[in-house]
């Protein structure tokens, strides 16, 4: 998926610098984006078999949140969402299965992956909004700070 999305970004944004390409890639190649596609486009959560009540509850709760959210809000405010990793993993597994079942046909897998991401790919652009933590890093970096430490509370 990383190669598919980077090839798309490279082709779609030939004037992008490395920082812009990296930021667009990070918005596409992340658990939140994949989980959103898994839930909104394919309802893959319905096929998840788990014997873990905590995970099942988290999947159910996050599914409701992702179903109600727009693709644009998710992609542009990715930091607001925290779906269980399994939701993004399901999507990646399906694309991996396509790759294997196609006899490792990268071109076919790329077309299918782009089709699967068709609601997300148009939302990326050169001036993607940054998340609050990235904005903080830039701010303190410009102020001369060389080390930041975060503590989860």
Protein backbone atom coordinates (compact mmCIF):
# COMPACT_ATOMS: atom_id res chain seq x y z
CA UNK A 1 0.00 0.00 0.00
CA UNK A 2 2.91 2.30 0.68
CA UNK A 3 4.23 1.86 -2.85
CA UNK A 4 0.76 2.26 -4.38
CA UNK A 5 0.07 5.51 -2.57
CA UNK A 6 3.53 6.94 -3.15
CA UNK A 7 3.28 6.20 -6.86
CA UNK A 8 -0.11 7.93 -6.89
CA UNK A 9 1.22 10.98 -5.04
CA UNK A 10 4.30 11.18 -7.28
CA UNK A 11 2.16 11.05 -10.43
CA UNK A 12 -0.63 13.32 -9.17
CA UNK A 13 1.64 15.98 -7.64
CA UNK A 14 4.78 16.29 -9.79
CA UNK A 15 5.71 19.66 -8.22
CA UNK A 16 5.43 18.44 -4.61
CA UNK A 17 8.52 18.61 -2.47
CA UNK A 18 9.62 15.72 -0.25
CA UNK A 19 7.96 17.19 2.84
CA UNK A 20 4.60 17.59 1.08
CA UNK A 21 4.80 14.08 -0.36
CA UNK A 22 5.70 12.64 3.03
CA UNK A 23 2.81 14.42 4.74
CA UNK A 24 0.28 13.31 2.08
CA UNK A 25 1.61 9.77 2.38
CA UNK A 26 1.23 9.81 6.14
CA UNK A 27 -2.42 10.82 5.77
CA UNK A 28 -3.08 7.90 3.40
CA UNK A 29 -0.89 5.18 4.91
CA UNK A 30 -2.22 5.12 8.41
CA UNK A 31 -4.55 3.00 10.45
CA UNK A 32 -7.23 5.69 10.58
CA UNK A 33 -7.49 6.04 6.79
CA UNK A 34 -7.46 2.29 6.22
CA UNK A 35 -9.96 1.67 9.03
CA UNK A 36 -12.28 4.28 7.57
CA UNK A 37 -12.18 2.64 4.14
CA UNK A 38 -12.65 -0.79 5.73
CA UNK A 39 -15.75 0.37 7.59
CA UNK A 40 -17.37 2.91 5.25
CA UNK A 41 -16.69 1.31 1.89
CA UNK A 42 -16.55 -2.42 2.59
CA UNK A 43 -18.07 -3.03 6.06
CA UNK A 44 -15.16 -5.36 6.75
CA UNK A 45 -15.75 -5.17 10.50
CA UNK A 46 -18.67 -7.57 9.95
CA UNK A 47 -16.19 -10.30 9.06
CA UNK A 48 -13.97 -9.86 12.09
CA UNK A 49 -14.08 -12.87 14.39
CA UNK A 50 -12.72 -12.15 17.83
CA UNK A 51 -13.08 -13.77 21.22
CA UNK A 52 -12.11 -10.55 22.98
CA UNK A 53 -14.99 -8.53 24.42
CA UNK A 54 -12.88 -5.41 24.88
CA UNK A 55 -11.81 -5.47 21.24
CA UNK A 56 -15.35 -6.21 20.04
CA UNK A 57 -16.68 -3.26 22.03
CA UNK A 58 -13.97 -0.92 20.71
CA UNK A 59 -14.64 -2.03 17.12
CA UNK A 60 -18.38 -1.48 17.54
CA UNK A 61 -17.92 1.97 19.09
CA UNK A 62 -15.38 3.12 16.54
CA UNK A 63 -17.42 1.73 13.65
CA UNK A 64 -20.29 4.01 14.64
CA UNK A 65 -17.95 7.00 14.80
CA UNK A 66 -16.32 6.26 11.42
CA UNK A 67 -19.65 5.58 9.71
CA UNK A 68 -20.95 8.97 10.86
CA UNK A 69 -17.79 10.86 9.84
CA UNK A 70 -17.09 12.16 6.37
CA UNK A 71 -14.01 10.99 4.53
CA UNK A 72 -12.85 14.60 4.38
CA UNK A 73 -13.08 15.08 8.15
CA UNK A 74 -11.22 11.85 8.78
CA UNK A 75 -8.39 12.60 6.35
CA UNK A 76 -7.99 16.25 7.33
CA UNK A 77 -8.40 15.65 11.08
CA UNK A 78 -6.86 12.22 11.34
CA UNK A 79 -5.57 12.96 14.83
CA UNK A 80 -9.16 13.07 16.18
CA UNK A 81 -9.77 9.39 15.47
CA UNK A 82 -8.34 6.30 17.14
CA UNK A 83 -9.84 3.11 15.71
CA UNK A 84 -8.54 -0.28 16.84
CA UNK A 85 -5.59 -1.34 14.69
CA UNK A 86 -7.44 -4.44 13.58
CA UNK A 87 -9.79 -2.34 11.41
CA UNK A 88 -6.95 -0.97 9.31
CA UNK A 89 -5.25 -4.37 9.28
CA UNK A 90 -8.35 -5.99 7.76
CA UNK A 91 -8.22 -3.61 4.81
CA UNK A 92 -4.50 -4.18 4.28
CA UNK A 93 -5.07 -7.94 4.48
CA UNK A 94 -7.68 -7.80 1.74
CA UNK A 95 -5.33 -5.87 -0.54
CA UNK A 96 -2.55 -8.34 0.33
CA UNK A 97 -4.87 -11.22 -0.57
CA UNK A 98 -5.61 -9.58 -3.92
CA UNK A 99 -1.87 -9.32 -4.56
CA UNK A 100 -1.26 -12.99 -3.72
CA UNK A 101 -4.37 -14.31 -5.50
CA UNK A 102 -3.51 -12.32 -8.64
CA UNK A 103 -0.20 -14.15 -8.88
CA UNK A 104 1.63 -11.11 -7.48
CA UNK A 105 0.36 -8.86 -10.26
CA UNK A 106 1.35 -5.44 -8.96
CA UNK A 107 -0.42 -3.50 -11.72
CA UNK A 108 -3.74 -5.25 -11.07
CA UNK A 109 -3.35 -4.85 -7.31
CA UNK A 110 -2.58 -1.15 -7.79
CA UNK A 111 -5.76 -0.63 -9.83
CA UNK A 112 -7.85 -2.41 -7.21
CA UNK A 113 -6.21 -0.55 -4.33
CA UNK A 114 -6.80 2.80 -6.06
CA UNK A 115 -10.42 1.82 -6.67
CA UNK A 116 -10.77 0.89 -2.99
CA UNK A 117 -9.29 4.28 -2.01
CA UNK A 118 -11.29 6.29 -4.55
CA UNK A 119 -13.11 8.23 -1.82
CA UNK A 120 -9.86 9.13 -0.07
CA UNK A 121 -7.32 9.84 -2.82
CA UNK A 122 -9.02 13.02 -4.12
CA UNK A 123 -8.91 14.53 -0.63
CA UNK A 124 -5.13 14.81 -0.44
CA UNK A 125 -3.47 17.97 -1.71
CA UNK A 126 -0.22 19.87 -1.46
CA UNK A 127 -1.27 21.93 1.55
CA UNK A 128 -2.69 19.20 3.77
CA UNK A 129 -3.52 20.52 7.25
CA UNK A 130 -1.15 19.33 9.94
CA UNK A 131 -2.18 17.79 13.22
CA UNK A 132 -1.67 19.71 16.49
CA UNK A 133 1.43 17.72 17.48
CA UNK A 134 3.13 18.39 14.15
CA UNK A 135 2.28 22.08 14.47
CA UNK A 136 3.81 22.06 17.96
CA UNK A 137 7.00 20.42 16.64
CA UNK A 138 7.34 23.09 13.95
CA UNK A 139 6.65 25.90 16.41
CA UNK A 140 9.17 24.79 19.03
CA UNK A 141 11.71 23.85 16.36
CA UNK A 142 11.57 27.37 14.95
CA UNK A 143 11.99 28.68 18.50
CA UNK A 144 15.25 26.72 18.83
CA UNK A 145 14.04 23.83 20.98
CA UNK A 146 15.84 20.61 20.10
CA UNK A 147 14.06 18.09 22.30
CA UNK A 148 10.40 17.61 23.13
CA UNK A 149 9.03 15.01 25.47
CA UNK A 150 5.37 14.03 25.66
CA UNK A 151 3.60 12.30 28.49
CA UNK A 152 0.30 10.51 27.99
CA UNK A 153 -2.15 11.58 30.67
